């Protein structure tokens, strides 16, 4: 069984779009998602009946489509979104994985989760309120996470009499702000999620708007993730050595390909050790293949018997990442407890977890004017800033702008395993960077 390069190129997932919704409280995110699912006929009859029943129990005459995504009991009772709600639906033109994220400030960190794998973010704005602080925060998170496409959905146009000047002013303000953050593509669409204007069908109330509906844009936006163009990265999750009579010398390295493609015969380097070998075989679903690509889970066998364990990274020798113990990165702090200078943490990068110390917090981003507040000393929940870290062992980090999977990491509290911070290495709108250094690690303690 083999797969050719031509077949691989044809498997670029242009038929799948991962996108996230975000916006301030009561901007209508869940209603938009519900309208999108309802009008695209992606909702089952029993789901609609459950929503209609829940709406009647709340004294509403018509079904509240927001309940299609507000799945937690607390969400339904309070009428807000708390958790990230994932929904899967499809049209004849494309498949979708949707993450509906909360709008409250204290749940901004949930947007980081929902948008971390998204190729597009829909940021909602209430036409009556315009761009508010939470709108700017969500635009900053989208830029930080390198989401390539952002849709500004100016909602509740029915409450401002579908006035074009209102839409135009909001679109100009948001576009200017997001462009300064470095968002590469911004599309503004005037909508009414409650009435269905410009969500799935064009609105007869806004004839002055000649652009696409939300669904039309989602179906046609280019999704460029040709997996054959990315450098291959294979974090080792598990070493397979059955040592049976049938397979006495079998040694395989199991894991999920994070990016790119691996081929039998490729010269590879194992990091952080720097040992080199050649891909001797690849097993996928128990069958040998000539090539495998992200995000397949496979077992890789090498021509040489090397010392490889969980957390090592296998990469093509010609484009292997540099290793480093000193990392400067842009982060979004997600924990209730602050992140402070001198704090001891665990850094999780792909399948590798190492000890680290927060050496410095050079700045915190001020969202109002995008200025850097120097030397804040700490970061609190939902803060976006820069940190300098020293790790106990070398890491094979890519720049986040080149690889969202191998350029990202988490900081974890070693005491209780709480996730503290989501980090993005390399260049970003906050000019984060990775620096390469030499030096021995102290594996036993924290002074490294």
Protein backbone atom coordinates (compact mmCIF):
# COMPACT_ATOMS: atom_id res chain seq x y z
CA UNK A 1 0.00 0.00 0.00
CA UNK A 2 1.59 3.31 -1.00
CA UNK A 3 0.59 6.94 -1.44
CA UNK A 4 2.17 9.12 -4.11
CA UNK A 5 3.15 12.76 -3.77
CA UNK A 6 0.44 13.64 -6.30
CA UNK A 7 -2.17 11.94 -4.15
CA UNK A 8 -0.87 13.75 -1.09
CA UNK A 9 -1.15 17.12 -2.78
CA UNK A 10 -4.76 16.32 -3.63
CA UNK A 11 -5.52 15.58 0.01
CA UNK A 12 -4.90 19.17 1.14
CA UNK A 13 -7.92 19.78 3.36
CA UNK A 14 -9.44 22.67 1.44
CA UNK A 15 -12.91 21.17 1.96
CA UNK A 16 -12.69 21.61 5.75
CA UNK A 17 -12.81 24.98 7.50
CA UNK A 18 -12.20 25.38 11.22
CA UNK A 19 -13.57 28.67 12.49
CA UNK A 20 -14.38 30.35 15.79
CA UNK A 21 -16.89 32.98 16.84
CA UNK A 22 -16.11 35.71 19.36
CA UNK A 23 -17.51 39.00 20.56
CA UNK A 24 -18.64 40.95 23.58
CA UNK A 25 -21.48 39.94 25.89
CA UNK A 26 -24.92 39.87 24.23
CA UNK A 27 -23.55 40.63 20.78
CA UNK A 28 -25.45 37.58 19.51
CA UNK A 29 -22.76 34.94 18.92
CA UNK A 30 -24.88 31.96 19.90
CA UNK A 31 -27.86 33.33 17.98
CA UNK A 32 -25.68 33.70 14.87
CA UNK A 33 -24.43 30.14 15.20
CA UNK A 34 -27.94 28.87 15.77
CA UNK A 35 -29.20 30.77 12.74
CA UNK A 36 -26.32 29.42 10.68
CA UNK A 37 -27.11 25.84 11.69
CA UNK A 38 -30.87 26.28 11.30
CA UNK A 39 -30.93 28.03 7.93
CA UNK A 40 -28.31 25.69 6.46
CA UNK A 41 -30.54 22.78 7.54
CA UNK A 42 -27.84 21.34 9.81
CA UNK A 43 -30.11 20.82 12.83
CA UNK A 44 -31.99 17.61 13.56
CA UNK A 45 -35.72 17.67 14.25
CA UNK A 46 -35.36 16.50 17.84
CA UNK A 47 -32.84 19.26 18.50
CA UNK A 48 -35.27 21.88 17.22
CA UNK A 49 -38.04 20.39 19.36
CA UNK A 50 -35.81 20.52 22.46
CA UNK A 51 -34.94 24.16 21.75
CA UNK A 52 -38.59 25.05 21.19
CA UNK A 53 -39.54 23.37 24.49
CA UNK A 54 -36.76 25.17 26.40
CA UNK A 55 -37.78 28.49 24.82
CA UNK A 56 -41.44 28.03 25.81
CA UNK A 57 -40.42 27.25 29.38
CA UNK A 58 -38.62 30.61 29.44
CA UNK A 59 -41.75 32.41 28.19
CA UNK A 60 -40.55 32.92 24.62
CA UNK A 61 -43.04 32.50 21.80
CA UNK A 62 -40.47 31.61 19.14
CA UNK A 63 -37.51 29.19 19.43
CA UNK A 64 -34.36 30.81 20.79
CA UNK A 65 -31.74 29.57 18.33
CA UNK A 66 -28.96 30.49 20.75
CA UNK A 67 -29.89 27.41 22.77
CA UNK A 68 -28.55 25.21 19.96
CA UNK A 69 -25.02 26.02 21.16
CA UNK A 70 -25.53 27.01 24.80
CA UNK A 71 -25.32 23.42 25.98
CA UNK A 72 -24.45 23.79 29.66
CA UNK A 73 -27.33 24.13 32.12
CA UNK A 74 -25.73 27.25 33.61
CA UNK A 75 -25.56 28.75 30.12
CA UNK A 76 -29.23 28.13 29.44
CA UNK A 77 -30.28 29.46 32.83
CA UNK A 78 -28.14 32.61 32.63
CA UNK A 79 -28.52 33.20 28.91
CA UNK A 80 -24.75 33.45 28.39
CA UNK A 81 -21.99 31.36 26.86
CA UNK A 82 -19.44 30.04 29.37
CA UNK A 83 -17.69 27.10 27.75
CA UNK A 84 -16.39 26.67 24.21
CA UNK A 85 -19.15 24.91 22.27
CA UNK A 86 -17.97 22.87 19.29
CA UNK A 87 -20.35 22.12 16.44
CA UNK A 88 -19.85 20.15 13.26
CA UNK A 89 -21.88 20.79 10.14
CA UNK A 90 -21.56 20.68 6.39
CA UNK A 91 -22.94 22.17 3.21
CA UNK A 92 -22.56 20.78 -0.31
CA UNK A 93 -19.50 23.01 -0.74
CA UNK A 94 -17.53 22.55 2.49
CA UNK A 95 -17.35 20.88 5.90
CA UNK A 96 -17.05 22.99 9.05
CA UNK A 97 -15.80 22.66 12.62
CA UNK A 98 -17.11 25.58 14.63
CA UNK A 99 -16.00 26.80 18.07
CA UNK A 100 -18.48 29.18 19.71
CA UNK A 101 -16.45 31.02 22.37
CA UNK A 102 -17.64 33.10 25.36
CA UNK A 103 -17.91 36.88 25.33
CA UNK A 104 -17.37 37.69 29.02
CA UNK A 105 -13.98 39.15 29.88
CA UNK A 106 -13.28 36.42 32.46
CA UNK A 107 -13.71 33.80 29.73
CA UNK A 108 -11.41 35.42 27.15
CA UNK A 109 -8.97 32.58 27.79
CA UNK A 110 -11.58 30.21 26.36
CA UNK A 111 -11.27 32.06 23.06
CA UNK A 112 -7.58 31.15 23.03
CA UNK A 113 -8.64 27.51 23.17
CA UNK A 114 -11.29 27.86 20.48
CA UNK A 115 -9.20 29.96 18.08
CA UNK A 116 -5.89 28.12 18.47
CA UNK A 117 -6.70 25.78 15.57
CA UNK A 118 -9.04 28.09 13.63
CA UNK A 119 -8.34 29.32 10.10
CA UNK A 120 -11.03 31.99 10.44
CA UNK A 121 -12.53 34.00 13.29
CA UNK A 122 -15.95 35.67 13.23
CA UNK A 123 -15.89 38.67 15.58
CA UNK A 124 -19.36 40.03 16.34
CA UNK A 125 -20.12 43.65 17.15
CA UNK A 126 -23.46 45.05 18.31
CA UNK A 127 -24.33 47.79 15.81
CA UNK A 128 -25.67 49.91 18.68
CA UNK A 129 -22.44 49.74 20.71
CA UNK A 130 -19.75 49.60 18.04
CA UNK A 131 -16.20 48.48 18.81
CA UNK A 132 -15.71 47.99 22.56
CA UNK A 133 -12.75 46.83 24.66
CA UNK A 134 -13.71 43.16 24.39
CA UNK A 135 -13.87 43.52 20.60
CA UNK A 136 -10.32 44.83 20.61
CA UNK A 137 -9.26 42.03 22.93
CA UNK A 138 -10.68 39.39 20.60
CA UNK A 139 -9.02 41.02 17.60
CA UNK A 140 -5.72 40.95 19.51
CA UNK A 141 -6.15 37.26 20.35
CA UNK A 142 -6.94 36.46 16.70
CA UNK A 143 -3.80 38.32 15.62
CA UNK A 144 -1.72 36.69 18.34
CA UNK A 145 -2.86 33.22 17.29
CA UNK A 146 -2.14 34.02 13.62
CA UNK A 147 -5.72 33.41 12.48
CA UNK A 148 -5.39 34.23 8.76
CA UNK A 149 -8.98 35.38 8.11
CA UNK A 150 -11.17 37.58 10.32
CA UNK A 151 -14.82 38.36 9.63
CA UNK A 152 -16.34 41.40 11.32
CA UNK A 153 -20.05 40.62 11.67
CA UNK A 154 -21.88 43.84 12.58
CA UNK A 155 -24.96 42.33 14.21
CA UNK A 156 -28.39 43.71 15.18
CA UNK A 157 -28.58 45.94 12.13
CA UNK A 158 -32.36 45.70 12.46
CA UNK A 159 -32.09 47.74 15.68
CA UNK A 160 -30.35 50.63 13.89
CA UNK A 161 -32.81 50.62 10.98
CA UNK A 162 -30.28 48.90 8.70
CA UNK A 163 -28.36 52.19 8.39
CA UNK A 164 -25.34 51.97 6.10
CA UNK A 165 -23.41 54.83 7.81
CA UNK A 166 -23.53 52.95 11.13
CA UNK A 167 -22.06 49.85 9.52
CA UNK A 168 -19.44 51.81 7.59
CA UNK A 169 -18.16 53.63 10.69
CA UNK A 170 -17.83 50.41 12.71
CA UNK A 171 -16.16 48.58 9.82
CA UNK A 172 -13.60 51.36 9.35
CA UNK A 173 -12.72 51.56 13.07
CA UNK A 174 -12.31 47.79 13.43
CA UNK A 175 -10.38 47.38 10.18
CA UNK A 176 -7.92 50.10 11.17
CA UNK A 177 -7.36 48.52 14.59
CA UNK A 178 -7.04 44.94 13.32
CA UNK A 179 -4.69 46.00 10.51
CA UNK A 180 -2.37 47.59 13.06
CA UNK A 181 -2.32 44.24 14.86
CA UNK A 182 -1.24 42.56 11.65
CA UNK A 183 -4.43 40.69 10.76
CA UNK A 184 -3.86 39.84 7.08
CA UNK A 185 -7.47 39.75 5.85
CA UNK A 186 -10.60 41.41 7.26
CA UNK A 187 -14.11 41.07 5.79
CA UNK A 188 -16.98 43.15 7.20
CA UNK A 189 -20.57 41.90 6.84
CA UNK A 190 -23.74 43.65 8.16
CA UNK A 191 -26.16 41.10 9.63
CA UNK A 192 -29.14 40.48 11.85
CA UNK A 193 -28.71 37.05 13.37
CA UNK A 194 -32.17 37.15 14.93
CA UNK A 195 -33.94 38.01 11.65
CA UNK A 196 -31.55 36.08 9.43
CA UNK A 197 -30.34 39.04 7.36
CA UNK A 198 -27.12 38.20 5.45
CA UNK A 199 -26.45 35.06 7.50
CA UNK A 200 -27.40 32.39 4.97
CA UNK A 201 -29.64 34.36 2.62
CA UNK A 202 -29.01 37.92 1.31
CA UNK A 203 -30.98 40.64 3.06
CA UNK A 204 -33.68 42.59 1.27
CA UNK A 205 -33.31 45.26 3.97
CA UNK A 206 -29.71 46.13 3.06
CA UNK A 207 -29.66 46.49 -0.72
CA UNK A 208 -26.73 48.88 -0.31
CA UNK A 209 -24.54 45.91 0.69
CA UNK A 210 -23.22 43.94 -2.25
CA UNK A 211 -20.86 41.52 -0.49
CA UNK A 212 -21.29 37.87 0.50
CA UNK A 213 -23.46 36.47 3.26
CA UNK A 214 -21.71 34.90 6.24
CA UNK A 215 -22.25 31.36 4.95
CA UNK A 216 -21.20 32.27 1.41
CA UNK A 217 -17.95 33.73 2.73
CA UNK A 218 -17.34 30.67 4.91
CA UNK A 219 -17.88 28.42 1.91
CA UNK A 220 -15.58 30.33 -0.42
CA UNK A 221 -12.77 31.76 1.73
CA UNK A 222 -9.47 30.22 0.61
CA UNK A 223 -8.05 27.79 3.14
CA UNK A 224 -4.38 27.38 2.39
CA UNK A 225 -2.90 24.52 4.32
CA UNK A 226 -1.13 22.41 1.73
CA UNK A 227 0.52 19.92 4.04
CA UNK A 228 3.25 19.06 1.54
CA UNK A 229 4.67 22.60 1.78
CA UNK A 230 5.29 22.50 5.55
CA UNK A 231 8.49 21.14 7.11
CA UNK A 232 7.81 17.75 8.65
CA UNK A 233 7.65 17.56 12.43
CA UNK A 234 7.07 14.28 14.26
CA UNK A 235 6.92 14.47 18.09
CA UNK A 236 7.46 11.01 19.56
CA UNK A 237 4.67 9.91 21.88
CA UNK A 238 5.60 6.30 22.52
CA UNK A 239 8.38 3.83 21.74
CA UNK A 240 7.08 0.47 20.50
CA UNK A 241 9.29 -2.56 21.22
CA UNK A 242 7.17 -5.74 21.29
CA UNK A 243 10.25 -8.02 21.60
CA UNK A 244 8.26 -11.03 20.48
CA UNK A 245 9.43 -14.07 18.56
CA UNK A 246 7.63 -12.72 15.50
CA UNK A 247 9.18 -9.24 15.82
CA UNK A 248 12.39 -9.66 17.87
CA UNK A 249 14.12 -6.52 16.52
CA UNK A 250 11.12 -4.25 15.96
CA UNK A 251 11.62 -0.68 17.22
CA UNK A 252 9.05 1.90 16.19
CA UNK A 253 8.26 5.44 17.28
CA UNK A 254 4.55 6.20 17.50
CA UNK A 255 2.97 9.62 17.38
CA UNK A 256 0.98 12.14 15.36
CA UNK A 257 2.69 14.06 12.58
CA UNK A 258 2.39 17.70 13.65
CA UNK A 259 3.10 19.18 10.22
CA UNK A 260 4.39 18.32 6.76
CA UNK A 261 5.00 14.86 5.36
CA UNK A 262 7.48 12.06 6.06
CA UNK A 263 8.66 9.69 3.36
CA UNK A 264 10.56 6.43 3.48
CA UNK A 265 14.19 7.23 2.71
CA UNK A 266 14.13 10.76 4.18
CA UNK A 267 17.29 11.71 6.11
CA UNK A 268 16.13 12.85 9.55
CA UNK A 269 17.53 14.37 12.72
CA UNK A 270 16.35 13.51 16.22
CA UNK A 271 16.14 16.50 18.54
CA UNK A 272 17.34 17.63 20.99
CA UNK A 273 20.13 15.01 20.79
CA UNK A 274 21.05 15.87 17.19
CA UNK A 275 21.45 12.20 16.21
CA UNK A 276 20.80 11.45 12.53
CA UNK A 277 19.35 8.51 10.64
CA UNK A 278 17.04 7.65 7.73
CA UNK A 279 13.35 6.75 7.70
CA UNK A 280 13.37 2.99 7.03
CA UNK A 281 9.62 2.36 7.19
CA UNK A 282 6.31 3.97 8.09
CA UNK A 283 3.34 2.02 9.44
CA UNK A 284 -0.17 3.51 9.29
CA UNK A 285 -3.13 1.52 10.65
CA UNK A 286 -0.96 -1.57 10.71
CA UNK A 287 0.00 -1.32 7.04
CA UNK A 288 3.30 -0.13 5.53
CA UNK A 289 3.11 3.11 3.53
CA UNK A 290 5.67 5.09 1.58
CA UNK A 291 4.51 8.49 2.81
CA UNK A 292 2.48 9.93 5.71
CA UNK A 293 1.31 13.47 6.40
CA UNK A 294 -0.17 15.65 9.12
CA UNK A 295 -2.31 14.98 11.11
CA UNK A 296 -1.96 11.22 10.64
CA UNK A 297 -0.97 9.05 13.58
CA UNK A 298 1.72 6.62 12.48
CA UNK A 299 4.67 4.54 13.61
CA UNK A 300 8.04 5.53 12.17
CA UNK A 301 10.98 3.13 12.01
CA UNK A 302 14.54 4.34 11.49
CA UNK A 303 17.52 2.66 9.86
CA UNK A 304 19.68 3.06 12.98
CA UNK A 305 19.17 1.93 16.55
CA UNK A 306 19.16 5.28 18.37
CA UNK A 307 18.36 6.36 21.92
CA UNK A 308 14.94 7.95 21.37
CA UNK A 309 12.18 8.46 23.92
CA UNK A 310 8.89 10.29 24.41
CA UNK A 311 9.31 14.01 23.87
CA UNK A 312 11.97 13.75 21.18
CA UNK A 313 11.24 15.34 17.81
CA UNK A 314 12.04 13.73 14.46
CA UNK A 315 12.48 16.21 11.62
CA UNK A 316 14.06 16.26 8.15
CA UNK A 317 17.77 16.98 8.49
CA UNK A 318 17.65 19.69 5.82
CA UNK A 319 15.07 21.78 7.73
CA UNK A 320 15.38 20.76 11.36
CA UNK A 321 14.59 23.48 13.91
CA UNK A 322 17.27 24.92 16.18
CA UNK A 323 17.25 23.92 19.83
CA UNK A 324 17.19 26.46 22.64
CA UNK A 325 17.01 26.84 26.39
CA UNK A 326 16.23 30.57 26.30
CA UNK A 327 12.81 31.48 24.99
CA UNK A 328 11.22 34.90 24.60
CA UNK A 329 7.59 34.67 23.56
CA UNK A 330 4.24 36.38 23.47
CA UNK A 331 1.76 34.79 25.86
CA UNK A 332 -1.86 34.95 26.92
CA UNK A 333 -2.21 34.27 30.63
CA UNK A 334 -5.25 32.07 31.30
CA UNK A 335 -5.07 31.17 35.00
CA UNK A 336 -6.68 32.99 37.92
CA UNK A 337 -3.36 33.03 39.77
CA UNK A 338 -0.86 35.56 38.36
CA UNK A 339 2.34 34.71 36.52
CA UNK A 340 5.31 36.37 38.23
CA UNK A 341 9.01 36.89 37.60
CA UNK A 342 11.03 34.11 39.22
CA UNK A 343 8.13 31.65 39.16
CA UNK A 344 8.98 28.00 38.55
CA UNK A 345 6.79 26.33 35.95
CA UNK A 346 6.62 23.37 33.64
CA UNK A 347 6.77 24.07 29.91
CA UNK A 348 4.90 21.63 27.67
CA UNK A 349 5.89 21.70 24.00
CA UNK A 350 4.27 18.99 21.82
CA UNK A 351 4.98 15.75 23.73
CA UNK A 352 7.91 17.17 25.71
CA UNK A 353 7.56 18.66 29.21
CA UNK A 354 10.51 20.36 30.90
CA UNK A 355 11.14 22.55 33.92
CA UNK A 356 11.43 26.30 33.35
CA UNK A 357 11.84 29.57 35.23
CA UNK A 358 10.19 32.87 34.33
CA UNK A 359 13.29 35.07 34.07
CA UNK A 360 11.50 38.27 33.05
CA UNK A 361 8.19 39.76 31.96
CA UNK A 362 9.37 42.65 29.75
CA UNK A 363 5.97 44.06 28.81
CA UNK A 364 2.20 43.78 28.85
CA UNK A 365 0.07 44.79 25.88
CA UNK A 366 -2.34 47.68 26.43
CA UNK A 367 -5.30 46.96 24.17
CA UNK A 368 -6.63 50.51 23.99
CA UNK A 369 -3.72 51.88 21.96
CA UNK A 370 -1.61 48.74 21.39
CA UNK A 371 1.23 50.20 23.44
CA UNK A 372 3.56 48.06 25.53
CA UNK A 373 3.40 48.63 29.30
CA UNK A 374 7.03 48.01 30.35
CA UNK A 375 8.09 45.72 33.19
CA UNK A 376 4.68 44.94 34.72
CA UNK A 377 6.28 42.35 37.00
CA UNK A 378 3.36 39.95 36.61
CA UNK A 379 0.51 38.95 34.33
CA UNK A 380 -3.04 38.31 35.51
CA UNK A 381 -5.86 36.38 33.87
CA UNK A 382 -6.51 37.40 30.24
CA UNK A 383 -3.37 39.58 30.05
CA UNK A 384 -1.35 39.44 26.84
CA UNK A 385 2.35 40.09 27.31
CA UNK A 386 5.89 38.95 26.71
CA UNK A 387 7.90 36.59 28.86
CA UNK A 388 11.51 35.41 28.96
CA UNK A 389 11.97 31.80 30.03
CA UNK A 390 14.94 29.58 30.80
CA UNK A 391 14.33 25.85 30.42
CA UNK A 392 16.17 22.96 32.06
CA UNK A 393 16.54 21.11 28.76
CA UNK A 394 16.81 22.21 25.13
CA UNK A 395 13.62 22.53 23.12
CA UNK A 396 13.16 22.21 19.34
CA UNK A 397 10.92 25.25 18.88
CA UNK A 398 9.71 26.61 15.58
CA UNK A 399 8.51 30.16 15.14
CA UNK A 400 4.76 30.30 15.71
CA UNK A 401 4.35 32.23 12.46
CA UNK A 402 5.79 29.22 10.62
CA UNK A 403 4.09 26.46 12.58
CA UNK A 404 1.19 27.01 14.96
CA UNK A 405 1.60 23.46 16.29
CA UNK A 406 5.34 23.31 17.01
CA UNK A 407 5.68 27.04 17.71
CA UNK A 408 3.24 26.97 20.63
CA UNK A 409 3.61 25.80 24.20
CA UNK A 410 1.88 25.81 27.58
CA UNK A 411 3.16 26.87 30.99
CA UNK A 412 1.87 24.60 33.74
CA UNK A 413 1.87 24.89 37.54
CA UNK A 414 4.13 22.06 38.77
CA UNK A 415 2.23 21.87 42.05
CA UNK A 416 -1.21 20.96 40.76
CA UNK A 417 -0.98 20.71 36.95
CA UNK A 418 -3.05 23.86 36.31
CA UNK A 419 -2.53 25.42 32.89
CA UNK A 420 -1.16 28.91 33.50
CA UNK A 421 -0.27 30.43 30.16
CA UNK A 422 -0.50 29.80 26.41
CA UNK A 423 2.69 30.83 24.64
CA UNK A 424 3.59 31.61 21.03
CA UNK A 425 7.30 31.53 20.15
CA UNK A 426 8.84 33.56 17.38
CA UNK A 427 7.67 36.73 15.65
CA UNK A 428 4.22 38.09 16.45
CA UNK A 429 2.57 41.48 16.61
CA UNK A 430 4.31 41.81 19.98
CA UNK A 431 7.70 41.04 18.36
CA UNK A 432 8.31 37.87 20.35
CA UNK A 433 11.37 35.90 19.39
CA UNK A 434 13.29 32.70 20.04
CA UNK A 435 16.99 33.00 20.81
CA UNK A 436 19.42 30.15 20.53
CA UNK A 437 21.92 29.63 23.33
CA UNK A 438 24.33 26.99 24.50
CA UNK A 439 24.64 25.75 28.05
CA UNK A 440 24.24 22.70 30.22
CA UNK A 441 20.96 22.00 31.98
CA UNK A 442 20.63 21.23 35.65
CA UNK A 443 18.25 18.28 35.57
CA UNK A 444 17.94 17.95 39.33
CA UNK A 445 17.07 21.46 40.42
CA UNK A 446 15.58 24.70 39.17
CA UNK A 447 18.73 26.83 38.96
CA UNK A 448 19.51 26.65 35.30
